[in-house]
C-alpha atoms as a PDB file:
ATOM      1  CA  MET A   1      40.479 -77.927 -96.460  1.00  0.00           C
ATOM      2  CA  SER A   2      43.254 -80.341 -95.530  1.00  0.00           C
ATOM      3  CA  SER A   3      46.289 -81.015 -97.674  1.00  0.00           C
ATOM      4  CA  PRO A   4      45.970 -83.800-100.257  1.00  0.00           C
ATOM      5  CA  VAL A   5      47.320 -87.262 -99.532  1.00  0.00           C
ATOM      6  CA  ASN A   6      48.475 -89.452-102.399  1.00  0.00           C
ATOM      7  CA  VAL A   7      47.466 -93.123-102.506  1.00  0.00           C
ATOM      8  CA  LYS A   8      49.159 -95.466-104.976  1.00  0.00           C
ATOM      9  CA  CYS A   9      46.952 -97.408-107.421  1.00  0.00           C
ATOM     10  CA  SER A  10      47.371-101.182-107.099  1.00  0.00           C
ATOM     11  CA  ASN A  11      46.795-101.816-110.830  1.00  0.00           C
ATOM     12  CA  PRO A  12      50.133-103.143-112.172  1.00  0.00           C
ATOM     13  CA  GLY A  13      49.623-101.304-115.466  1.00  0.00           C
ATOM     14  CA  CYS A  14      48.973 -97.966-113.768  1.00  0.00           C
ATOM     15  CA  GLY A  15      50.652 -97.597-110.356  1.00  0.00           C
ATOM     16  CA  LYS A  16      50.111 -93.813-110.285  1.00  0.00           C
ATOM     17  CA  LEU A  17      49.512 -91.688-107.195  1.00  0.00           C
ATOM     18  CA  ASN A  18      45.931 -90.523-106.678  1.00  0.00           C
ATOM     19  CA  PRO A  19      45.157 -87.402-104.621  1.00  0.00           C
ATOM     20  CA  VAL A  20      42.782 -88.006-101.716  1.00  0.00           C
ATOM     21  CA  TYR A  21      41.501 -85.069 -99.695  1.00  0.00           C
ATOM     22  CA  GLY A  22      40.790 -85.885 -96.065  1.00  0.00           C
ATOM     23  CA  ASP A  23      41.606 -88.955 -94.017  1.00  0.00           C
ATOM     24  CA  VAL A  24      42.872 -92.133 -95.673  1.00  0.00           C
ATOM     25  CA  PHE A  25      41.749 -95.343 -94.023  1.00  0.00           C
ATOM     26  CA  PRO A  26      43.617 -98.595 -94.835  1.00  0.00           C
ATOM     27  CA  GLY A  27      41.274-101.100 -96.478  1.00  0.00           C
ATOM     28  CA  ARG A  28      38.869 -98.478 -97.813  1.00  0.00           C
ATOM     29  CA  GLU A  29      38.120 -98.627-101.557  1.00  0.00           C
ATOM     30  CA  TYR A  30      39.167 -95.805-103.825  1.00  0.00           C
ATOM     31  CA  THR A  31      38.859 -95.326-107.582  1.00  0.00           C
ATOM     32  CA  CYS A  32      41.938 -94.446-109.610  1.00  0.00           C
ATOM     33  CA  VAL A  33      41.403 -91.156-111.454  1.00  0.00           C
ATOM     34  CA  PHE A  34      43.772 -92.270-114.238  1.00  0.00           C
ATOM     35  CA  CYS A  35      42.664 -95.827-115.100  1.00  0.00           C
ATOM     36  CA  GLY A  36      39.318 -96.215-113.265  1.00  0.00           C
ATOM     37  CA  HIS A  37      40.525 -99.291-111.345  1.00  0.00           C
ATOM     38  CA  LEU A  38      38.988 -99.916-107.900  1.00  0.00           C
ATOM     39  CA  PHE A  39      41.707-100.471-105.305  1.00  0.00           C
ATOM     40  CA  LYS A  40      41.978-100.649-101.547  1.00  0.00           C
ATOM     41  CA  ALA A  41      44.300 -98.314 -99.677  1.00  0.00           C
ATOM     42  CA  GLN A  42      47.324-100.111 -98.323  1.00  0.00           C
ATOM     43  CA  PRO A  43      48.950 -99.450 -94.940  1.00  0.00           C
ATOM     44  CA  LYS A  44      51.023 -96.309 -94.425  1.00  0.00           C
ATOM     45  CA  SER A  45      53.909 -97.477 -96.692  1.00  0.00           C
ATOM     46  CA  ASP A  46      51.977 -96.585 -99.884  1.00  0.00           C
ATOM     47  CA  VAL A  47      50.484 -93.344 -98.571  1.00  0.00           C
ATOM     48  CA  GLU A  48      52.432 -90.122 -99.206  1.00  0.00           C
ATOM     49  CA  THR A  49      51.564 -86.640 -98.034  1.00  0.00           C
ATOM     50  CA  VAL A  50      52.041 -83.708-100.358  1.00  0.00           C
ATOM     51  CA  ASP A  51      53.857 -80.691 -98.973  1.00  0.00           C
ATOM     52  CA  LYS A  52      53.044 -77.496-100.860  1.00  0.00           C
ATOM     53  CA  GLY A  53      55.722 -75.382 -99.188  1.00  0.00           C
ATOM     54  CA  LYS A  54      58.319 -73.183-100.816  1.00  0.00           C
ATOM     55  CA  ARG A  55      60.714 -74.878-103.182  1.00  0.00           C
ATOM     56  CA  ALA A  56      64.441 -74.600-102.737  1.00  0.00           C
ATOM     57  CA  ARG A  57      65.642 -72.494-105.626  1.00  0.00           C
ATOM     58  CA  GLY A  58      69.171 -72.483-106.860  1.00  0.00           C
ATOM     59  CA  LYS A  59      71.062 -70.000-108.948  1.00  0.00           C
ATOM     60  CA  LYS A  60      70.394 -70.025-112.651  1.00  0.00           C
ATOM     61  CA  PRO A  61      73.363 -70.987-114.815  1.00  0.00           C
ATOM     62  CA  PRO A  62      74.922 -68.110-116.759  1.00  0.00           C
ATOM     63  CA  ARG A  63      73.514 -67.627-120.247  1.00  0.00           C
ATOM     64  CA  ARG A  64      75.770 -67.920-123.235  1.00  0.00           C
ATOM     65  CA  LYS A  65      75.747 -65.117-125.723  1.00  0.00           C
ATOM     66  CA  GLU A  66      74.950 -66.381-129.179  1.00  0.00           C
ATOM     67  CA  SER A  67      76.137 -64.530-132.224  1.00  0.00           C
ATOM     68  CA  ARG A  68      73.241 -63.252-134.269  1.00  0.00           C
ATOM     69  CA  PRO A  69      73.286 -63.289-138.047  1.00  0.00           C
ATOM     70  CA  GLN A  70      73.940 -59.960-139.714  1.00  0.00           C
ATOM     71  CA  ASN A  71      70.733 -58.263-140.796  1.00  0.00           C
ATOM     72  CA  ARG A  72      71.171 -57.318-144.443  1.00  0.00           C
ATOM     73  CA  ASN A  73      67.672 -55.903-144.874  1.00  0.00           C
ATOM     74  CA  MET A  74      68.343 -52.539-143.269  1.00  0.00           C
ATOM     75  CA  ARG A  75      66.668 -50.467-145.989  1.00  0.00           C
ATOM     76  CA  LYS A  76      63.511 -50.856-147.933  1.00  0.00           C
ATOM     77  CA  PRO A  77      63.918 -50.905-151.691  1.00  0.00           C
ATOM     78  CA  LEU A  78      63.166 -47.623-153.423  1.00  0.00           C
ATOM     79  CA  LEU A  79      60.256 -47.575-155.845  1.00  0.00           C
END
């Protein structure tokens, strides 16, 4: 299966990217999965490919040590 291609919805209230698997042809009608609006695919400027490669990971920031409250319930009460 080919990688998904995102096509932008032309509804001004939505404008979200819809995943399309396979070839995207300009002028072909698609249905927005978010708002249900029928829209035509625009030329290549509105079409984005999704790259599912490895993400660049940075170092995690050092964690601060937080002081914990003193536990005063160390013993159970005697009966």
